[in-house]
């Protein structure tokens, strides 16, 4: 009923608390769909994990930016969120509370997504199949977890960004001529 990458995201989110891996899993899943079928709801879930990653590492401005965008997407695509087994109203409220906490300088703490009974059951089955507990608090002392993104090869990401900038610049030049 739910895509396996989504269940893997939830396991990383609730058990491993590896928000960077959450981002990687859903981004890969989102990119695997043809461009015209890419649902913004996945971007919102990616942004939630990135916001928590930034907050945990002390990047409050990055966390605020990501969370603000995620809240907007969650509210705009509330029916798609419901189809994924998440309570969109509770999720939006939870994220707004977290945004206020970050803006007020409160420290990071773990967050659990409000899952429907059907999603909880699928999640529990996935945890059992992958031999994971259903929940665990994050470990703020895990340096690898906190700095994981700095250890990866980003050359392909940087090359793609440069390519996109060049394409935008070419379009602007063509429009002005």
N, C-alpha and C. Protein backbone atom coordinates (compact mmCIF):
# COMPACT_ATOMS: atom_id res chain seq x y z
N UNK A 1 0.82 -1.20 0.00
CA UNK A 1 0.00 0.00 0.00
C UNK A 1 0.86 1.26 0.00
N UNK A 2 1.91 1.29 0.81
CA UNK A 2 2.83 2.43 0.86
C UNK A 2 4.13 2.03 0.16
N UNK A 3 4.74 2.95 -0.58
CA UNK A 3 6.00 2.61 -1.25
C UNK A 3 7.10 2.28 -0.24
N UNK A 4 7.92 1.31 -0.57
CA UNK A 4 8.99 0.89 0.33
C UNK A 4 9.93 2.04 0.69
N UNK A 5 10.30 2.92 -0.27
CA UNK A 5 11.17 4.04 0.13
C UNK A 5 10.53 4.93 1.20
N UNK A 6 9.22 5.06 1.18
CA UNK A 6 8.54 5.86 2.19
C UNK A 6 8.65 5.18 3.55
N UNK A 7 8.47 3.87 3.60
CA UNK A 7 8.61 3.14 4.86
C UNK A 7 10.06 3.20 5.35
N UNK A 8 11.01 3.12 4.42
CA UNK A 8 12.42 3.25 4.79
C UNK A 8 12.70 4.65 5.36
N UNK A 9 12.09 5.67 4.77
CA UNK A 9 12.20 7.04 5.28
C UNK A 9 11.69 7.10 6.72
N UNK A 10 10.53 6.49 6.96
CA UNK A 10 9.95 6.52 8.30
C UNK A 10 10.83 5.81 9.32
N UNK A 11 11.45 4.72 8.91
CA UNK A 11 12.36 4.01 9.81
C UNK A 11 13.56 4.88 10.14
N UNK A 12 14.14 5.50 9.13
CA UNK A 12 15.27 6.41 9.38
C UNK A 12 14.84 7.58 10.26
N UNK A 13 13.63 8.07 10.03
CA UNK A 13 13.12 9.24 10.76
C UNK A 13 12.88 8.92 12.24
N UNK A 14 12.22 7.78 12.51
CA UNK A 14 11.80 7.46 13.87
C UNK A 14 12.78 6.59 14.64
N UNK A 15 13.55 5.77 13.96
CA UNK A 15 14.42 4.83 14.65
C UNK A 15 15.87 5.32 14.63
N UNK A 16 16.42 5.45 13.45
CA UNK A 16 17.81 5.86 13.33
C UNK A 16 18.00 7.35 13.61
N UNK A 17 16.94 8.13 13.39
CA UNK A 17 17.01 9.59 13.52
C UNK A 17 18.09 10.16 12.60
N UNK A 18 18.28 9.47 11.46
CA UNK A 18 19.26 9.90 10.46
C UNK A 18 18.51 10.71 9.41
N UNK A 19 18.37 11.99 9.69
CA UNK A 19 17.58 12.87 8.82
C UNK A 19 18.25 13.07 7.47
N UNK A 20 19.57 13.00 7.44
CA UNK A 20 20.26 13.10 6.16
C UNK A 20 19.89 11.92 5.27
N UNK A 21 19.85 10.73 5.85
CA UNK A 21 19.47 9.54 5.08
C UNK A 21 18.01 9.62 4.65
N UNK A 22 17.16 10.20 5.49
CA UNK A 22 15.76 10.42 5.11
C UNK A 22 15.69 11.22 3.81
N UNK A 23 16.45 12.29 3.79
CA UNK A 23 16.52 13.15 2.60
C UNK A 23 16.96 12.35 1.38
N UNK A 24 18.04 11.58 1.55
CA UNK A 24 18.58 10.81 0.44
C UNK A 24 17.56 9.80 -0.10
N UNK A 25 16.90 9.09 0.78
CA UNK A 25 15.93 8.06 0.38
C UNK A 25 14.78 8.66 -0.41
N UNK A 26 14.16 9.71 0.12
CA UNK A 26 13.00 10.28 -0.57
C UNK A 26 13.37 11.06 -1.80
N UNK A 27 14.52 11.71 -1.79
CA UNK A 27 14.93 12.43 -3.00
C UNK A 27 15.14 11.46 -4.15
N UNK A 28 15.78 10.34 -3.87
CA UNK A 28 16.00 9.32 -4.90
C UNK A 28 14.66 8.78 -5.41
N UNK A 29 13.74 8.53 -4.50
CA UNK A 29 12.41 8.05 -4.88
C UNK A 29 11.69 9.09 -5.73
N UNK A 30 11.72 10.34 -5.31
CA UNK A 30 11.06 11.43 -6.02
C UNK A 30 11.64 11.59 -7.43
N UNK A 31 12.96 11.53 -7.53
CA UNK A 31 13.62 11.68 -8.82
C UNK A 31 13.36 10.49 -9.74
N UNK A 32 13.00 9.34 -9.19
CA UNK A 32 12.75 8.16 -10.02
C UNK A 32 11.45 8.27 -10.80
N UNK A 33 10.58 9.16 -10.38
CA UNK A 33 9.31 9.37 -11.10
C UNK A 33 9.55 10.29 -12.29
N UNK A 34 8.79 10.11 -13.37
CA UNK A 34 8.90 11.05 -14.48
C UNK A 34 8.58 12.47 -13.98
N UNK A 35 9.24 13.49 -14.53
CA UNK A 35 9.04 14.86 -14.04
C UNK A 35 7.58 15.29 -13.89
N UNK A 36 6.72 14.89 -14.81
CA UNK A 36 5.32 15.31 -14.74
C UNK A 36 4.53 14.58 -13.64
N UNK A 37 5.13 13.54 -13.05
CA UNK A 37 4.46 12.79 -11.98
C UNK A 37 5.08 13.04 -10.60
N UNK A 38 6.04 13.92 -10.51
CA UNK A 38 6.70 14.18 -9.23
C UNK A 38 5.78 14.97 -8.32
N UNK A 39 5.43 14.36 -7.20
CA UNK A 39 4.48 14.98 -6.29
C UNK A 39 5.19 15.87 -5.27
N UNK A 40 4.70 17.10 -5.10
CA UNK A 40 5.32 18.03 -4.14
C UNK A 40 5.28 17.53 -2.70
N UNK A 41 4.39 16.61 -2.39
CA UNK A 41 4.28 16.10 -1.02
C UNK A 41 5.60 15.46 -0.58
N UNK A 42 6.30 14.80 -1.51
CA UNK A 42 7.57 14.19 -1.18
C UNK A 42 8.60 15.26 -0.82
N UNK A 43 8.55 16.37 -1.54
CA UNK A 43 9.47 17.48 -1.24
C UNK A 43 9.21 18.00 0.17
N UNK A 44 7.95 18.11 0.55
CA UNK A 44 7.61 18.55 1.89
C UNK A 44 8.18 17.63 2.96
N UNK A 45 8.09 16.33 2.73
CA UNK A 45 8.64 15.37 3.70
C UNK A 45 10.17 15.43 3.74
N UNK A 46 10.77 15.64 2.58
CA UNK A 46 12.22 15.83 2.53
C UNK A 46 12.60 17.06 3.34
N UNK A 47 11.85 18.14 3.16
CA UNK A 47 12.17 19.39 3.86
C UNK A 47 12.03 19.25 5.38
N UNK A 48 11.09 18.44 5.83
CA UNK A 48 10.96 18.21 7.27
C UNK A 48 12.24 17.59 7.82
N UNK A 49 12.72 16.55 7.14
CA UNK A 49 13.93 15.89 7.63
C UNK A 49 15.15 16.81 7.54
N UNK A 50 15.24 17.61 6.47
CA UNK A 50 16.36 18.54 6.34
C UNK A 50 16.29 19.61 7.43
N UNK A 51 15.09 20.08 7.74
CA UNK A 51 14.92 21.07 8.81
C UNK A 51 15.41 20.52 10.14
N UNK A 52 15.04 19.29 10.45
CA UNK A 52 15.47 18.68 11.71
C UNK A 52 16.98 18.45 11.73
N UNK A 53 17.52 18.08 10.59
CA UNK A 53 18.97 17.91 10.47
C UNK A 53 19.68 19.22 10.77
N UNK A 54 19.19 20.31 10.16
CA UNK A 54 19.79 21.62 10.40
C UNK A 54 19.63 22.05 11.86
N UNK A 55 18.44 21.85 12.42
CA UNK A 55 18.24 22.26 13.80
C UNK A 55 19.18 21.50 14.73
N UNK A 56 19.31 20.21 14.53
CA UNK A 56 20.17 19.40 15.38
C UNK A 56 21.62 19.85 15.30
N UNK A 57 22.05 20.32 14.13
CA UNK A 57 23.42 20.77 13.95
C UNK A 57 23.62 22.23 14.34
N UNK A 58 22.54 22.92 14.75
CA UNK A 58 22.67 24.30 15.19
C UNK A 58 22.47 25.34 14.10
N UNK A 59 22.07 24.92 12.92
CA UNK A 59 21.82 25.85 11.81
C UNK A 59 20.35 26.27 11.88
N UNK A 60 20.06 27.21 12.75
CA UNK A 60 18.67 27.62 12.97
C UNK A 60 18.06 28.27 11.74
N UNK A 61 18.81 29.10 11.02
CA UNK A 61 18.24 29.77 9.84
C UNK A 61 17.88 28.75 8.76
N UNK A 62 18.73 27.74 8.58
CA UNK A 62 18.42 26.68 7.62
C UNK A 62 17.20 25.89 8.04
N UNK A 63 17.10 25.62 9.33
CA UNK A 63 15.94 24.88 9.85
C UNK A 63 14.65 25.69 9.64
N UNK A 64 14.71 26.97 9.93
CA UNK A 64 13.53 27.83 9.76
C UNK A 64 13.10 27.89 8.30
N UNK A 65 14.06 28.05 7.41
CA UNK A 65 13.75 28.12 5.97
C UNK A 65 13.09 26.83 5.49
N UNK A 66 13.67 25.69 5.84
CA UNK A 66 13.13 24.41 5.39
C UNK A 66 11.77 24.13 6.00
N UNK A 67 11.62 24.40 7.28
CA UNK A 67 10.37 24.11 7.97
C UNK A 67 9.25 25.02 7.46
N UNK A 68 9.54 26.27 7.21
CA UNK A 68 8.54 27.19 6.66
C UNK A 68 8.03 26.69 5.32
N UNK A 69 8.95 26.26 4.47
CA UNK A 69 8.56 25.74 3.16
C UNK A 69 7.78 24.43 3.30
N UNK A 70 8.22 23.56 4.20
CA UNK A 70 7.53 22.28 4.42
C UNK A 70 6.10 22.51 4.90
N UNK A 71 5.91 23.43 5.81
CA UNK A 71 4.57 23.72 6.32
C UNK A 71 3.66 24.19 5.19
N UNK A 72 4.18 25.05 4.34
CA UNK A 72 3.41 25.54 3.20
C UNK A 72 2.99 24.39 2.28
N UNK A 73 3.93 23.50 1.97
CA UNK A 73 3.62 22.36 1.10
C UNK A 73 2.63 21.40 1.77
N UNK A 74 2.79 21.16 3.05
CA UNK A 74 1.90 20.26 3.78
C UNK A 74 0.47 20.79 3.75
N UNK A 75 0.33 22.08 3.99
CA UNK A 75 -1.01 22.68 3.98
C UNK A 75 -1.61 22.69 2.58
N UNK A 76 -0.80 23.00 1.59
CA UNK A 76 -1.29 23.07 0.20
C UNK A 76 -1.68 21.69 -0.33
N UNK A 77 -0.96 20.67 0.10
CA UNK A 77 -1.18 19.31 -0.42
C UNK A 77 -1.69 18.38 0.68
N UNK A 78 -2.61 18.90 1.49
CA UNK A 78 -3.08 18.14 2.65
C UNK A 78 -3.74 16.81 2.26
N UNK A 79 -4.42 16.75 1.12
CA UNK A 79 -5.04 15.49 0.72
C UNK A 79 -3.99 14.44 0.36
N UNK A 80 -2.91 14.87 -0.27
CA UNK A 80 -1.82 13.94 -0.59
C UNK A 80 -1.14 13.44 0.68
N UNK A 81 -1.05 14.31 1.68
CA UNK A 81 -0.48 13.90 2.97
C UNK A 81 -1.38 12.86 3.62
N UNK A 82 -2.68 13.09 3.55
CA UNK A 82 -3.64 12.12 4.12
C UNK A 82 -3.49 10.76 3.43
N UNK A 83 -3.30 10.77 2.10
CA UNK A 83 -3.14 9.50 1.35
C UNK A 83 -1.89 8.74 1.79
N UNK A 84 -0.92 9.47 2.32
CA UNK A 84 0.30 8.83 2.81
C UNK A 84 0.17 8.36 4.25
N UNK A 85 -1.03 8.47 4.82
CA UNK A 85 -1.27 7.96 6.15
C UNK A 85 -0.82 8.90 7.26
N UNK A 86 -0.66 10.16 6.93
CA UNK A 86 -0.30 11.16 7.94
C UNK A 86 -1.48 12.09 8.15
N UNK A 87 -1.71 12.50 9.37
CA UNK A 87 -2.77 13.45 9.68
C UNK A 87 -2.24 14.84 9.34
N UNK A 88 -2.73 15.40 8.24
CA UNK A 88 -2.17 16.66 7.74
C UNK A 88 -2.37 17.82 8.71
N UNK A 89 -3.52 17.89 9.37
CA UNK A 89 -3.75 18.99 10.32
C UNK A 89 -2.82 18.86 11.53
N UNK A 90 -2.71 17.66 12.07
CA UNK A 90 -1.81 17.44 13.21
C UNK A 90 -0.36 17.70 12.81
N UNK A 91 0.01 17.26 11.61
CA UNK A 91 1.38 17.45 11.14
C UNK A 91 1.68 18.94 10.98
N UNK A 92 0.78 19.68 10.35
CA UNK A 92 1.00 21.12 10.18
C UNK A 92 1.12 21.81 11.53
N UNK A 93 0.26 21.45 12.46
CA UNK A 93 0.29 22.04 13.80
C UNK A 93 1.60 21.70 14.52
N UNK A 94 2.02 20.46 14.42
CA UNK A 94 3.27 20.01 15.04
C UNK A 94 4.47 20.77 14.47
N UNK A 95 4.47 20.95 13.16
CA UNK A 95 5.57 21.66 12.50
C UNK A 95 5.57 23.15 12.84
N UNK A 96 4.38 23.73 12.96
CA UNK A 96 4.30 25.14 13.35
C UNK A 96 4.81 25.34 14.78
N UNK A 97 4.50 24.40 15.66
CA UNK A 97 5.02 24.46 17.04
C UNK A 97 6.54 24.36 17.03
N UNK A 98 7.07 23.45 16.21
CA UNK A 98 8.53 23.28 16.14
C UNK A 98 9.17 24.54 15.57
N UNK A 99 8.54 25.15 14.58
CA UNK A 99 9.07 26.39 13.99
C UNK A 99 9.15 27.47 15.06
N UNK A 100 8.13 27.61 15.86
CA UNK A 100 8.14 28.60 16.94
C UNK A 100 9.25 28.30 17.94
N UNK A 101 9.43 27.02 18.27
CA UNK A 101 10.51 26.63 19.19
C UNK A 101 11.87 27.03 18.63
N UNK A 102 12.09 26.76 17.36
CA UNK A 102 13.38 27.10 16.74
C UNK A 102 13.58 28.60 16.74
N UNK A 103 12.53 29.33 16.37
CA UNK A 103 12.62 30.79 16.36
C UNK A 103 12.90 31.36 17.74
N UNK A 104 12.47 30.66 18.78
CA UNK A 104 12.70 31.09 20.16
C UNK A 104 13.99 30.52 20.74
N UNK A 105 14.78 29.86 19.90
CA UNK A 105 16.08 29.37 20.33
C UNK A 105 16.06 28.13 21.18
N UNK A 106 14.96 27.41 21.21
CA UNK A 106 14.91 26.18 22.01
C UNK A 106 15.75 25.10 21.33
N UNK A 107 16.36 24.23 22.10
CA UNK A 107 17.25 23.21 21.54
C UNK A 107 16.47 22.12 20.79
N UNK A 108 17.22 21.42 19.95
CA UNK A 108 16.67 20.30 19.18
C UNK A 108 16.14 19.23 20.12
N UNK A 109 15.07 18.61 19.70
CA UNK A 109 14.55 17.39 20.31
C UNK A 109 13.92 16.58 19.19
N UNK A 110 13.84 15.29 19.36
CA UNK A 110 13.31 14.44 18.30
C UNK A 110 11.83 14.73 18.07
N UNK A 111 11.35 14.31 16.94
CA UNK A 111 9.98 14.57 16.52
C UNK A 111 9.42 13.27 15.94
N UNK A 112 8.17 12.98 16.20
CA UNK A 112 7.51 11.82 15.61
C UNK A 112 6.35 12.29 14.75
N UNK A 113 6.22 11.68 13.58
CA UNK A 113 5.17 12.06 12.65
C UNK A 113 3.85 11.41 13.06
N UNK A 114 2.72 12.14 12.93
CA UNK A 114 1.41 11.60 13.33
C UNK A 114 0.86 10.62 12.28
N UNK A 115 1.06 9.33 12.52
CA UNK A 115 0.68 8.30 11.56
C UNK A 115 -0.72 7.75 11.83
N UNK A 116 -1.42 7.45 10.74
CA UNK A 116 -2.72 6.78 10.84
C UNK A 116 -2.50 5.33 11.28
N UNK A 117 -3.58 4.67 11.65
CA UNK A 117 -3.48 3.27 12.07
C UNK A 117 -2.93 2.39 10.94
N UNK A 118 -3.37 2.63 9.71
CA UNK A 118 -2.91 1.83 8.57
C UNK A 118 -1.41 2.02 8.34
N UNK A 119 -0.96 3.27 8.42
CA UNK A 119 0.46 3.54 8.24
C UNK A 119 1.27 2.95 9.40
N UNK A 120 0.76 3.08 10.62
CA UNK A 120 1.45 2.50 11.78
C UNK A 120 1.65 1.00 11.59
N UNK A 121 0.62 0.33 11.09
CA UNK A 121 0.72 -1.11 10.89
C UNK A 121 1.78 -1.43 9.83
N UNK A 122 1.76 -0.72 8.71
CA UNK A 122 2.75 -0.94 7.65
C UNK A 122 4.16 -0.63 8.16
N UNK A 123 4.27 0.43 8.95
CA UNK A 123 5.55 0.83 9.53
C UNK A 123 6.07 -0.24 10.50
N UNK A 124 5.18 -0.74 11.37
CA UNK A 124 5.57 -1.78 12.32
C UNK A 124 6.03 -3.04 11.60
N UNK A 125 5.33 -3.41 10.53
CA UNK A 125 5.72 -4.58 9.75
C UNK A 125 7.09 -4.37 9.10
N UNK A 126 7.32 -3.17 8.57
CA UNK A 126 8.62 -2.86 7.95
C UNK A 126 9.73 -2.91 9.00
N UNK A 127 9.46 -2.38 10.18
CA UNK A 127 10.45 -2.43 11.28
C UNK A 127 10.78 -3.88 11.63
N UNK A 128 9.76 -4.69 11.74
CA UNK A 128 9.95 -6.11 12.07
C UNK A 128 10.77 -6.80 10.99
N UNK A 129 10.41 -6.57 9.73
CA UNK A 129 11.12 -7.21 8.61
C UNK A 129 12.58 -6.79 8.55
N UNK A 130 12.86 -5.55 8.92
CA UNK A 130 14.23 -5.04 8.86
C UNK A 130 14.94 -5.13 10.22
N UNK A 131 14.28 -5.79 11.18
CA UNK A 131 14.85 -6.00 12.51
C UNK A 131 15.22 -4.69 13.21
N UNK A 132 14.31 -3.71 13.15
CA UNK A 132 14.49 -2.42 13.82
C UNK A 132 13.46 -2.29 14.94
N UNK A 133 13.82 -1.57 15.99
CA UNK A 133 12.78 -1.21 16.96
C UNK A 133 11.85 -0.20 16.30
N UNK A 134 10.74 0.10 16.90
CA UNK A 134 9.80 1.04 16.29
C UNK A 134 10.12 2.49 16.60
N UNK A 135 10.94 2.73 17.60
CA UNK A 135 11.24 4.10 17.99
C UNK A 135 12.53 4.13 18.80
N UNK A 136 13.26 5.21 18.64
CA UNK A 136 14.45 5.42 19.45
C UNK A 136 14.74 6.92 19.44
N UNK A 137 15.16 7.45 20.56
CA UNK A 137 15.53 8.86 20.60
C UNK A 137 16.87 9.05 19.91
N UNK A 138 17.09 10.25 19.41
CA UNK A 138 18.34 10.53 18.71
C UNK A 138 19.50 10.61 19.69
N UNK A 139 20.68 10.39 19.18
CA UNK A 139 21.88 10.49 19.97
C UNK A 139 22.64 11.73 19.55
N UNK A 140 22.57 12.76 20.36
CA UNK A 140 23.23 14.02 20.02
C UNK A 140 24.75 13.92 20.10
N UNK A 141 25.28 12.82 20.63
CA UNK A 141 26.73 12.66 20.74
C UNK A 141 27.33 11.94 19.54
N UNK A 142 26.51 11.51 18.59
CA UNK A 142 26.99 10.76 17.43
C UNK A 142 27.52 11.74 16.37
N UNK A 143 28.82 11.97 16.38
CA UNK A 143 29.44 12.94 15.46
C UNK A 143 29.22 12.55 14.01
N UNK A 144 29.28 11.27 13.71
CA UNK A 144 29.06 10.83 12.33
C UNK A 144 27.66 11.20 11.87
N UNK A 145 26.68 10.92 12.68
CA UNK A 145 25.29 11.24 12.34
C UNK A 145 25.09 12.75 12.16
N UNK A 146 25.70 13.53 13.02
CA UNK A 146 25.54 14.98 12.96
C UNK A 146 26.24 15.61 11.76
N UNK A 147 27.30 14.99 11.28
CA UNK A 147 28.10 15.59 10.21
C UNK A 147 28.13 14.75 8.93
N UNK A 148 27.22 13.84 8.80
CA UNK A 148 27.24 12.88 7.70
C UNK A 148 27.31 13.54 6.32
N UNK A 149 26.56 14.61 6.12
CA UNK A 149 26.52 15.22 4.79
C UNK A 149 27.88 15.80 4.37
N UNK A 150 28.71 16.16 5.30
CA UNK A 150 30.00 16.75 4.94
C UNK A 150 30.99 15.71 4.44
N UNK A 151 30.67 14.43 4.63
CA UNK A 151 31.57 13.35 4.25
C UNK A 151 31.31 12.79 2.86
N UNK A 152 30.25 13.23 2.20
CA UNK A 152 29.91 12.64 0.91
C UNK A 152 30.52 13.41 -0.25
N UNK A 153 30.64 12.75 -1.38
CA UNK A 153 31.12 13.37 -2.61
C UNK A 153 29.97 14.18 -3.21
N UNK A 154 30.16 15.47 -3.32
CA UNK A 154 29.11 16.36 -3.81
C UNK A 154 29.40 16.86 -5.22
N UNK A 155 30.39 16.30 -5.91
CA UNK A 155 30.76 16.81 -7.22
C UNK A 155 29.61 16.74 -8.22
N UNK A 156 28.81 15.67 -8.19
CA UNK A 156 27.67 15.59 -9.11
C UNK A 156 26.61 16.63 -8.79
N UNK A 157 26.38 16.91 -7.52
CA UNK A 157 25.41 17.93 -7.12
C UNK A 157 25.87 19.30 -7.57
N UNK A 158 27.14 19.60 -7.34
CA UNK A 158 27.68 20.90 -7.74
C UNK A 158 27.67 21.08 -9.25
N UNK A 159 27.98 20.02 -9.99
CA UNK A 159 27.95 20.09 -11.45
C UNK A 159 26.53 20.33 -11.96
N UNK A 160 25.56 19.68 -11.35
CA UNK A 160 24.16 19.88 -11.75
C UNK A 160 23.70 21.30 -11.45
N UNK A 161 24.08 21.84 -10.31
CA UNK A 161 23.74 23.22 -9.98
C UNK A 161 24.32 24.19 -11.00
N UNK A 162 25.59 23.98 -11.37
CA UNK A 162 26.24 24.84 -12.36
C UNK A 162 25.52 24.74 -13.70
N UNK A 163 25.14 23.54 -14.08
CA UNK A 163 24.41 23.33 -15.33
C UNK A 163 23.08 24.07 -15.32
N UNK A 164 22.36 23.97 -14.22
CA UNK A 164 21.06 24.66 -14.10
C UNK A 164 21.23 26.18 -14.15
N UNK A 165 22.27 26.70 -13.51
CA UNK A 165 22.54 28.14 -13.56
C UNK A 165 22.83 28.58 -14.99
N UNK A 166 23.61 27.80 -15.71
CA UNK A 166 23.92 28.14 -17.09
C UNK A 166 22.67 28.11 -17.97
N UNK A 167 21.81 27.14 -17.74
CA UNK A 167 20.56 27.05 -18.51
C UNK A 167 19.67 28.26 -18.24
N UNK A 168 19.55 28.66 -16.97
CA UNK A 168 18.73 29.83 -16.63
C UNK A 168 19.31 31.10 -17.26
N UNK A 169 20.62 31.22 -17.21
CA UNK A 169 21.26 32.39 -17.79
C UNK A 169 21.04 32.43 -19.30
N UNK A 170 21.13 31.29 -19.95
CA UNK A 170 20.88 31.23 -21.39
C UNK A 170 19.44 31.60 -21.72
N UNK A 171 18.47 31.13 -20.92
CA UNK A 171 17.07 31.48 -21.15
C UNK A 171 16.85 32.98 -20.98
N UNK A 172 17.45 33.55 -19.95
CA UNK A 172 17.31 34.99 -19.72
C UNK A 172 17.90 35.79 -20.89
N UNK A 173 19.04 35.36 -21.37
CA UNK A 173 19.66 36.03 -22.51
C UNK A 173 18.79 35.94 -23.75
N UNK A 174 18.18 34.78 -23.97
CA UNK A 174 17.30 34.59 -25.14
C UNK A 174 16.04 35.44 -25.01
N UNK A 175 15.51 35.56 -23.79
CA UNK A 175 14.30 36.36 -23.56
C UNK A 175 14.56 37.85 -23.74
N UNK A 176 15.77 38.29 -23.40
CA UNK A 176 16.07 39.72 -23.51
C UNK A 176 16.44 40.14 -24.92
N UNK A 177 16.73 39.18 -25.79
CA UNK A 177 17.08 39.50 -27.19
C UNK A 177 15.88 39.59 -28.08
